[in-house]
Amino acid sequence: MRSGPAEATITLQPPQAGPIRLRALRLRSPDGELSVLLTHLEDPVRFPTAAITALYFRRWAVEIHYHDEKTSLDLETFHSPTENGIRQE
């Protein structure tokens, strides 16, 4: 999709499962980086590319914020495999 259409419908055929239809969207980030997003939201009238793109980058900013907070607070490192053990940490 780098030089082809801005969007396309693709079908994946996983082993032992039915076909999965996906919509591939070429997105350009605010800093100009090109990405491809796969979604099951196939209807371009109900789910316009511009709306999906805007929502994707808003959500990405939230995920980056969560990652930064968890890293700065060292929240990703748990030693206990149980919920009770994590609460005690």
PDB file of N, CA and C in Angstrom:
ATOM      1  N   MET A   1       0.814  -1.203   0.000  1.00  0.00           N
ATOM      2  CA  MET A   1       0.000   0.000   0.000  1.00  0.00           C
ATOM      3  C   MET A   1       0.853   1.260   0.000  1.00  0.00           C
ATOM      4  N   ARG A   2       2.155   1.117   0.034  1.00  0.00           N
ATOM      5  CA  ARG A   2       3.011   2.297   0.104  1.00  0.00           C
ATOM      6  C   ARG A   2       2.756   3.253  -1.055  1.00  0.00           C
ATOM      7  N   SER A   3       2.622   2.728  -2.262  1.00  0.00           N
ATOM      8  CA  SER A   3       2.410   3.612  -3.407  1.00  0.00           C
ATOM      9  C   SER A   3       1.074   3.352  -4.099  1.00  0.00           C
ATOM     10  N   GLY A   4       0.313   2.399  -3.586  1.00  0.00           N
ATOM     11  CA  GLY A   4      -0.970   2.053  -4.193  1.00  0.00           C
ATOM     12  C   GLY A   4      -2.112   2.870  -3.623  1.00  0.00           C
ATOM     13  N   PRO A   5      -3.292   2.265  -3.602  1.00  0.00           N
ATOM     14  CA  PRO A   5      -4.474   2.986  -3.126  1.00  0.00           C
ATOM     15  C   PRO A   5      -4.383   3.306  -1.636  1.00  0.00           C
ATOM     16  N   ALA A   6      -5.114   4.338  -1.216  1.00  0.00           N
ATOM     17  CA  ALA A   6      -5.105   4.751   0.189  1.00  0.00           C
ATOM     18  C   ALA A   6      -5.855   3.766   1.069  1.00  0.00           C
ATOM     19  N   GLU A   7      -6.728   2.950   0.463  1.00  0.00           N
ATOM     20  CA  GLU A   7      -7.392   1.907   1.229  1.00  0.00           C
ATOM     21  C   GLU A   7      -7.747   0.739   0.330  1.00  0.00           C
ATOM     22  N   ALA A   8      -7.858  -0.432   0.965  1.00  0.00           N
ATOM     23  CA  ALA A   8      -8.179  -1.651   0.226  1.00  0.00           C
ATOM     24  C   ALA A   8      -8.846  -2.625   1.180  1.00  0.00           C
ATOM     25  N   THR A   9      -9.588  -3.570   0.630  1.00  0.00           N
ATOM     26  CA  THR A   9     -10.165  -4.648   1.428  1.00  0.00           C
ATOM     27  C   THR A   9      -9.328  -5.889   1.182  1.00  0.00           C
ATOM     28  N   ILE A  10      -8.932  -6.537   2.276  1.00  0.00           N
ATOM     29  CA  ILE A  10      -8.134  -7.756   2.166  1.00  0.00           C
ATOM     30  C   ILE A  10      -8.866  -8.884   2.889  1.00  0.00           C
ATOM     31  N   THR A  11      -8.556 -10.099   2.523  1.00  0.00           N
ATOM     32  CA  THR A  11      -9.144 -11.266   3.174  1.00  0.00           C
ATOM     33  C   THR A  11      -8.018 -12.158   3.671  1.00  0.00           C
ATOM     34  N   LEU A  12      -8.056 -12.475   4.956  1.00  0.00           N
ATOM     35  CA  LEU A  12      -7.101 -13.405   5.553  1.00  0.00           C
ATOM     36  C   LEU A  12      -7.792 -14.749   5.705  1.00  0.00           C
ATOM     37  N   GLN A  13      -7.048 -15.813   5.501  1.00  0.00           N
ATOM     38  CA  GLN A  13      -7.606 -17.153   5.645  1.00  0.00           C
ATOM     39  C   GLN A  13      -6.778 -17.915   6.665  1.00  0.00           C
ATOM     40  N   PRO A  14      -7.098 -17.758   7.968  1.00  0.00           N
ATOM     41  CA  PRO A  14      -6.336 -18.490   8.979  1.00  0.00           C
ATOM     42  C   PRO A  14      -6.635 -19.987   8.909  1.00  0.00           C
ATOM     43  N   PRO A  15      -5.684 -20.823   9.303  1.00  0.00           N
ATOM     44  CA  PRO A  15      -5.927 -22.267   9.303  1.00  0.00           C
ATOM     45  C   PRO A  15      -7.079 -22.604  10.257  1.00  0.00           C
ATOM     46  N   GLN A  16      -7.913 -23.500   9.850  1.00  0.00           N
ATOM     47  CA  GLN A  16      -9.015 -24.017  10.671  1.00  0.00           C
ATOM     48  C   GLN A  16     -10.007 -22.933  11.092  1.00  0.00           C
ATOM     49  N   ALA A  17     -10.178 -21.905  10.265  1.00  0.00           N
ATOM     50  CA  ALA A  17     -11.155 -20.844  10.562  1.00  0.00           C
ATOM     51  C   ALA A  17     -11.682 -20.293   9.248  1.00  0.00           C
ATOM     52  N   GLY A  18     -12.770 -19.579   9.340  1.00  0.00           N
ATOM     53  CA  GLY A  18     -13.331 -18.958   8.151  1.00  0.00           C
ATOM     54  C   GLY A  18     -12.545 -17.729   7.752  1.00  0.00           C
ATOM     55  N   PRO A  19     -12.799 -17.211   6.567  1.00  0.00           N
ATOM     56  CA  PRO A  19     -12.081 -16.027   6.102  1.00  0.00           C
ATOM     57  C   PRO A  19     -12.408 -14.797   6.946  1.00  0.00           C
ATOM     58  N   ILE A  20     -11.437 -13.926   7.080  1.00  0.00           N
ATOM     59  CA  ILE A  20     -11.589 -12.675   7.822  1.00  0.00           C
ATOM     60  C   ILE A  20     -11.354 -11.528   6.850  1.00  0.00           C
ATOM     61  N   ARG A  21     -12.382 -10.711   6.654  1.00  0.00           N
ATOM     62  CA  ARG A  21     -12.254  -9.544   5.768  1.00  0.00           C
ATOM     63  C   ARG A  21     -11.848  -8.333   6.603  1.00  0.00           C
ATOM     64  N   LEU A  22     -10.834  -7.628   6.125  1.00  0.00           N
ATOM     65  CA  LEU A  22     -10.329  -6.447   6.816  1.00  0.00           C
ATOM     66  C   LEU A  22     -10.192  -5.291   5.838  1.00  0.00           C
ATOM     67  N   ARG A  23     -10.313  -4.123   6.362  1.00  0.00           N
ATOM     68  CA  ARG A  23     -10.103  -2.903   5.588  1.00  0.00           C
ATOM     69  C   ARG A  23      -8.732  -2.362   5.967  1.00  0.00           C
ATOM     70  N   ALA A  24      -7.882  -2.191   4.985  1.00  0.00           N
ATOM     71  CA  ALA A  24      -6.535  -1.655   5.201  1.00  0.00           C
ATOM     72  C   ALA A  24      -6.548  -0.179   4.818  1.00  0.00           C
ATOM     73  N   LEU A  25      -6.117   0.666   5.747  1.00  0.00           N
ATOM     74  CA  LEU A  25      -6.109   2.113   5.528  1.00  0.00           C
ATOM     75  C   LEU A  25      -4.689   2.638   5.636  1.00  0.00           C
ATOM     76  N   ARG A  26      -4.285   3.406   4.662  1.00  0.00           N
ATOM     77  CA  ARG A  26      -2.971   4.053   4.731  1.00  0.00           C
ATOM     78  C   ARG A  26      -3.168   5.373   5.471  1.00  0.00           C
ATOM     79  N   LEU A  27      -2.431   5.548   6.569  1.00  0.00           N
ATOM     80  CA  LEU A  27      -2.549   6.734   7.410  1.00  0.00           C
ATOM     81  C   LEU A  27      -1.246   7.515   7.396  1.00  0.00           C
ATOM     82  N   ARG A  28      -1.358   8.809   7.482  1.00  0.00           N
ATOM     83  CA  ARG A  28      -0.181   9.653   7.630  1.00  0.00           C
ATOM     84  C   ARG A  28      -0.294  10.351   8.978  1.00  0.00           C
ATOM     85  N   SER A  29       0.702  10.143   9.831  1.00  0.00           N
ATOM     86  CA  SER A  29       0.680  10.735  11.169  1.00  0.00           C
ATOM     87  C   SER A  29       0.921  12.237  11.086  1.00  0.00           C
ATOM     88  N   PRO A  30       0.628  12.957  12.169  1.00  0.00           N
ATOM     89  CA  PRO A  30       0.873  14.402  12.170  1.00  0.00           C
ATOM     90  C   PRO A  30       2.329  14.773  11.863  1.00  0.00           C
ATOM     91  N   ASP A  31       3.274  13.866  12.191  1.00  0.00           N
ATOM     92  CA  ASP A  31       4.681  14.158  11.885  1.00  0.00           C
ATOM     93  C   ASP A  31       5.094  13.638  10.506  1.00  0.00           C
ATOM     94  N   GLY A  32       4.123  13.126   9.724  1.00  0.00           N
ATOM     95  CA  GLY A  32       4.392  12.729   8.348  1.00  0.00           C
ATOM     96  C   GLY A  32       4.701  11.262   8.129  1.00  0.00           C
ATOM     97  N   GLU A  33       4.784  10.470   9.199  1.00  0.00           N
ATOM     98  CA  GLU A  33       5.111   9.053   9.056  1.00  0.00           C
ATOM     99  C   GLU A  33       3.924   8.283   8.480  1.00  0.00           C
ATOM    100  N   LEU A  34       4.217   7.370   7.567  1.00  0.00           N
ATOM    101  CA  LEU A  34       3.186   6.577   6.908  1.00  0.00           C
ATOM    102  C   LEU A  34       2.989   5.255   7.641  1.00  0.00           C
ATOM    103  N   SER A  35       1.733   4.887   7.885  1.00  0.00           N
ATOM    104  CA  SER A  35       1.391   3.630   8.551  1.00  0.00           C
ATOM    105  C   SER A  35       0.219   2.992   7.822  1.00  0.00           C
ATOM    106  N   VAL A  36       0.024   1.703   8.071  1.00  0.00           N
ATOM    107  CA  VAL A  36      -1.153   1.008   7.559  1.00  0.00           C
ATOM    108  C   VAL A  36      -1.905   0.452   8.761  1.00  0.00           C
ATOM    109  N   LEU A  37      -3.192   0.745   8.820  1.00  0.00           N
ATOM    110  CA  LEU A  37      -4.059   0.286   9.897  1.00  0.00           C
ATOM    111  C   LEU A  37      -5.036  -0.736   9.326  1.00  0.00           C
ATOM    112  N   LEU A  38      -5.171  -1.873  10.007  1.00  0.00           N
ATOM    113  CA  LEU A  38      -6.158  -2.878   9.615  1.00  0.00           C
ATOM    114  C   LEU A  38      -7.332  -2.792  10.573  1.00  0.00           C
ATOM    115  N   THR A  39      -8.550  -2.792  10.031  1.00  0.00           N
ATOM    116  CA  THR A  39      -9.749  -2.709  10.851  1.00  0.00           C
ATOM    117  C   THR A  39     -10.833  -3.608  10.281  1.00  0.00           C
ATOM    118  N   HIS A  40     -11.731  -4.032  11.149  1.00  0.00           N
ATOM    119  CA  HIS A  40     -12.886  -4.803  10.688  1.00  0.00           C
ATOM    120  C   HIS A  40     -14.056  -3.877  10.342  1.00  0.00           C
ATOM    121  N   LEU A  41     -13.897  -2.568  10.490  1.00  0.00           N
ATOM    122  CA  LEU A  41     -14.927  -1.584  10.146  1.00  0.00           C
ATOM    123  C   LEU A  41     -14.879  -1.352   8.639  1.00  0.00           C
ATOM    124  N   GLU A  42     -15.595  -2.177   7.900  1.00  0.00           N
ATOM    125  CA  GLU A  42     -15.477  -2.190   6.438  1.00  0.00           C
ATOM    126  C   GLU A  42     -16.241  -1.090   5.718  1.00  0.00           C
ATOM    127  N   ASP A  43     -17.323  -0.596   6.282  1.00  0.00           N
ATOM    128  CA  ASP A  43     -18.200   0.339   5.574  1.00  0.00           C
ATOM    129  C   ASP A  43     -17.620   1.756   5.579  1.00  0.00           C
ATOM    130  N   PRO A  44     -17.115   2.243   4.439  1.00  0.00           N
ATOM    131  CA  PRO A  44     -16.502   3.576   4.403  1.00  0.00           C
ATOM    132  C   PRO A  44     -17.506   4.714   4.562  1.00  0.00           C
ATOM    133  N   VAL A  45     -18.802   4.428   4.380  1.00  0.00           N
ATOM    134  CA  VAL A  45     -19.815   5.469   4.588  1.00  0.00           C
ATOM    135  C   VAL A  45     -20.062   5.661   6.080  1.00  0.00           C
ATOM    136  N   ARG A  46     -20.242   4.565   6.795  1.00  0.00           N
ATOM    137  CA  ARG A  46     -20.455   4.654   8.252  1.00  0.00           C
ATOM    138  C   ARG A  46     -19.175   4.993   8.999  1.00  0.00           C
ATOM    139  N   PHE A  47     -18.044   4.552   8.477  1.00  0.00           N
ATOM    140  CA  PHE A  47     -16.754   4.742   9.148  1.00  0.00           C
ATOM    141  C   PHE A  47     -15.760   5.348   8.166  1.00  0.00           C
ATOM    142  N   PRO A  48     -15.852   6.655   7.927  1.00  0.00           N
ATOM    143  CA  PRO A  48     -14.954   7.298   6.959  1.00  0.00           C
ATOM    144  C   PRO A  48     -13.487   7.206   7.393  1.00  0.00           C
ATOM    145  N   THR A  49     -12.626   7.118   6.413  1.00  0.00           N
ATOM    146  CA  THR A  49     -11.190   7.029   6.687  1.00  0.00           C
ATOM    147  C   THR A  49     -10.713   8.182   7.561  1.00  0.00           C
ATOM    148  N   ALA A  50     -11.183   9.392   7.290  1.00  0.00           N
ATOM    149  CA  ALA A  50     -10.751  10.559   8.070  1.00  0.00           C
ATOM    150  C   ALA A  50     -11.135  10.414   9.539  1.00  0.00           C
ATOM    151  N   ALA A  51     -12.325   9.889   9.821  1.00  0.00           N
ATOM    152  CA  ALA A  51     -12.762   9.717  11.208  1.00  0.00           C
ATOM    153  C   ALA A  51     -11.938   8.646  11.916  1.00  0.00           C
ATOM    154  N   ILE A  52     -11.670   7.538  11.224  1.00  0.00           N
ATOM    155  CA  ILE A  52     -10.855   6.475  11.818  1.00  0.00           C
ATOM    156  C   ILE A  52      -9.443   6.984  12.084  1.00  0.00           C
ATOM    157  N   THR A  53      -8.891   7.733  11.144  1.00  0.00           N
ATOM    158  CA  THR A  53      -7.540   8.279  11.308  1.00  0.00           C
ATOM    159  C   THR A  53      -7.470   9.207  12.514  1.00  0.00           C
ATOM    160  N   ALA A  54      -8.422  10.119  12.634  1.00  0.00           N
ATOM    161  CA  ALA A  54      -8.427  11.061  13.760  1.00  0.00           C
ATOM    162  C   ALA A  54      -8.542  10.318  15.084  1.00  0.00           C
ATOM    163  N   LEU A  55      -9.439   9.350  15.150  1.00  0.00           N
ATOM    164  CA  LEU A  55      -9.621   8.585  16.377  1.00  0.00           C
ATOM    165  C   LEU A  55      -8.380   7.770  16.710  1.00  0.00           C
ATOM    166  N   TYR A  56      -7.769   7.167  15.703  1.00  0.00           N
ATOM    167  CA  TYR A  56      -6.558   6.365  15.914  1.00  0.00           C
ATOM    168  C   TYR A  56      -5.447   7.199  16.550  1.00  0.00           C
ATOM    169  N   PHE A  57      -5.194   8.376  16.011  1.00  0.00           N
ATOM    170  CA  PHE A  57      -4.094   9.179  16.541  1.00  0.00           C
ATOM    171  C   PHE A  57      -4.428   9.793  17.894  1.00  0.00           C
ATOM    172  N   ARG A  58      -5.708  10.059  18.164  1.00  0.00           N
ATOM    173  CA  ARG A  58      -6.091  10.500  19.513  1.00  0.00           C
ATOM    174  C   ARG A  58      -5.840   9.373  20.503  1.00  0.00           C
ATOM    175  N   ARG A  59      -6.236   8.165  20.143  1.00  0.00           N
ATOM    176  CA  ARG A  59      -6.045   7.013  21.017  1.00  0.00           C
ATOM    177  C   ARG A  59      -4.556   6.715  21.204  1.00  0.00           C
ATOM    178  N   TRP A  60      -3.780   6.849  20.146  1.00  0.00           N
ATOM    179  CA  TRP A  60      -2.342   6.596  20.235  1.00  0.00           C
ATOM    180  C   TRP A  60      -1.703   7.544  21.246  1.00  0.00           C
ATOM    181  N   ALA A  61      -2.129   8.799  21.253  1.00  0.00           N
ATOM    182  CA  ALA A  61      -1.588   9.771  22.215  1.00  0.00           C
ATOM    183  C   ALA A  61      -1.914   9.346  23.645  1.00  0.00           C
ATOM    184  N   VAL A  62      -3.113   8.808  23.878  1.00  0.00           N
ATOM    185  CA  VAL A  62      -3.493   8.320  25.209  1.00  0.00           C
ATOM    186  C   VAL A  62      -2.618   7.134  25.601  1.00  0.00           C
ATOM    187  N   GLU A  63      -2.401   6.200  24.683  1.00  0.00           N
ATOM    188  CA  GLU A  63      -1.567   5.033  24.974  1.00  0.00           C
ATOM    189  C   GLU A  63      -0.136   5.440  25.321  1.00  0.00           C
ATOM    190  N   ILE A  64       0.403   6.406  24.613  1.00  0.00           N
ATOM    191  CA  ILE A  64       1.754   6.894  24.914  1.00  0.00           C
ATOM    192  C   ILE A  64       1.790   7.507  26.309  1.00  0.00           C
ATOM    193  N   HIS A  65       0.756   8.269  26.655  1.00  0.00           N
ATOM    194  CA  HIS A  65       0.684   8.871  27.991  1.00  0.00           C
ATOM    195  C   HIS A  65       0.650   7.780  29.064  1.00  0.00           C
ATOM    196  N   TYR A  66      -0.200   6.749  28.883  1.00  0.00           N
ATOM    197  CA  TYR A  66      -0.255   5.644  29.846  1.00  0.00           C
ATOM    198  C   TYR A  66       1.105   4.964  29.970  1.00  0.00           C
ATOM    199  N   HIS A  67       1.750   4.725  28.854  1.00  0.00           N
ATOM    200  CA  HIS A  67       3.068   4.086  28.885  1.00  0.00           C
ATOM    201  C   HIS A  67       4.063   4.929  29.676  1.00  0.00           C
ATOM    202  N   ASP A  68       4.085   6.226  29.408  1.00  0.00           N
ATOM    203  CA  ASP A  68       5.010   7.118  30.116  1.00  0.00           C
ATOM    204  C   ASP A  68       4.734   7.129  31.617  1.00  0.00           C
ATOM    205  N   GLU A  69       3.457   7.180  31.997  1.00  0.00           N
ATOM    206  CA  GLU A  69       3.102   7.181  33.423  1.00  0.00           C
ATOM    207  C   GLU A  69       3.506   5.868  34.086  1.00  0.00           C
ATOM    208  N   LYS A  70       3.208   4.744  33.453  1.00  0.00           N
ATOM    209  CA  LYS A  70       3.557   3.456  34.034  1.00  0.00           C
ATOM    210  C   LYS A  70       5.066   3.301  34.157  1.00  0.00           C
ATOM    211  N   THR A  71       5.794   3.802  33.172  1.00  0.00           N
ATOM    212  CA  THR A  71       7.250   3.707  33.214  1.00  0.00           C
ATOM    213  C   THR A  71       7.818   4.583  34.321  1.00  0.00           C
ATOM    214  N   SER A  72       7.341   5.820  34.427  1.00  0.00           N
ATOM    215  CA  SER A  72       7.889   6.732  35.439  1.00  0.00           C
ATOM    216  C   SER A  72       7.534   6.282  36.851  1.00  0.00           C
ATOM    217  N   LEU A  73       6.401   5.610  37.028  1.00  0.00           N
ATOM    218  CA  LEU A  73       5.997   5.116  38.346  1.00  0.00           C
ATOM    219  C   LEU A  73       6.423   3.672  38.584  1.00  0.00           C
ATOM    220  N   ASP A  74       7.102   3.077  37.594  1.00  0.00           N
ATOM    221  CA  ASP A  74       7.567   1.691  37.673  1.00  0.00           C
ATOM    222  C   ASP A  74       6.414   0.731  37.977  1.00  0.00           C
ATOM    223  N   LEU A  75       5.272   0.952  37.316  1.00  0.00           N
ATOM    224  CA  LEU A  75       4.088   0.135  37.563  1.00  0.00           C
ATOM    225  C   LEU A  75       4.060  -1.147  36.747  1.00  0.00           C
ATOM    226  N   GLU A  76       4.965  -1.308  35.809  1.00  0.00           N
ATOM    227  CA  GLU A  76       4.922  -2.493  34.960  1.00  0.00           C
ATOM    228  C   GLU A  76       5.660  -3.678  35.571  1.00  0.00           C
ATOM    229  N   THR A  77       6.346  -3.460  36.665  1.00  0.00           N
ATOM    230  CA  THR A  77       7.146  -4.518  37.252  1.00  0.00           C
ATOM    231  C   THR A  77       6.442  -5.092  38.473  1.00  0.00           C
ATOM    232  N   PHE A  78       5.835  -6.254  38.309  1.00  0.00           N
ATOM    233  CA  PHE A  78       5.220  -6.967  39.417  1.00  0.00           C
ATOM    234  C   PHE A  78       5.953  -8.286  39.574  1.00  0.00           C
ATOM    235  N   HIS A  79       6.174  -8.663  40.818  1.00  0.00           N
ATOM    236  CA  HIS A  79       6.899  -9.900  41.077  1.00  0.00           C
ATOM    237  C   HIS A  79       5.952 -11.060  41.364  1.00  0.00           C
ATOM    238  N   SER A  80       4.784 -10.747  41.888  1.00  0.00           N
ATOM    239  CA  SER A  80       3.829 -11.786  42.246  1.00  0.00           C
ATOM    240  C   SER A  80       2.944 -12.158  41.055  1.00  0.00           C
ATOM    241  N   PRO A  81       2.637 -13.435  40.896  1.00  0.00           N
ATOM    242  CA  PRO A  81       1.752 -13.843  39.799  1.00  0.00           C
ATOM    243  C   PRO A  81       0.263 -13.740  40.148  1.00  0.00           C
ATOM    244  N   THR A  82      -0.064 -13.389  41.398  1.00  0.00           N
ATOM    245  CA  THR A  82      -1.472 -13.327  41.804  1.00  0.00           C
ATOM    246  C   THR A  82      -1.891 -11.891  42.090  1.00  0.00           C
ATOM    247  N   GLU A  83      -3.199 -11.640  41.971  1.00  0.00           N
ATOM    248  CA  GLU A  83      -3.730 -10.303  42.252  1.00  0.00           C
ATOM    249  C   GLU A  83      -3.473  -9.916  43.708  1.00  0.00           C
ATOM    250  N   ASN A  84      -3.674 -10.843  44.634  1.00  0.00           N
ATOM    251  CA  ASN A  84      -3.447 -10.558  46.049  1.00  0.00           C
ATOM    252  C   ASN A  84      -1.981 -10.204  46.300  1.00  0.00           C
ATOM    253  N   GLY A  85      -1.089 -10.937  45.666  1.00  0.00           N
ATOM    254  CA  GLY A  85       0.332 -10.647  45.824  1.00  0.00           C
ATOM    255  C   GLY A  85       0.709  -9.286  45.275  1.00  0.00           C
ATOM    256  N   ILE A  86       0.113  -8.907  44.155  1.00  0.00           N
ATOM    257  CA  ILE A  86       0.381  -7.591  43.571  1.00  0.00           C
ATOM    258  C   ILE A  86      -0.128  -6.497  44.496  1.00  0.00           C
ATOM    259  N   ARG A  87      -1.297  -6.693  45.096  1.00  0.00           N
ATOM    260  CA  ARG A  87      -1.835  -5.696  46.035  1.00  0.00           C
ATOM    261  C   ARG A  87      -0.893  -5.506  47.226  1.00  0.00           C
ATOM    262  N   GLN A  88      -0.240  -6.575  47.662  1.00  0.00           N
ATOM    263  CA  GLN A  88       0.677  -6.487  48.795  1.00  0.00           C
ATOM    264  C   GLN A  88       1.979  -5.790  48.423  1.00  0.00           C
ATOM    265  N   GLU A  89       2.347  -5.853  47.159  1.00  0.00           N
ATOM    266  CA  GLU A  89       3.574  -5.179  46.729  1.00  0.00           C
ATOM    267  C   GLU A  89       3.366  -3.693  46.859  1.00  0.00           C
TER     268      GLU A  89
END
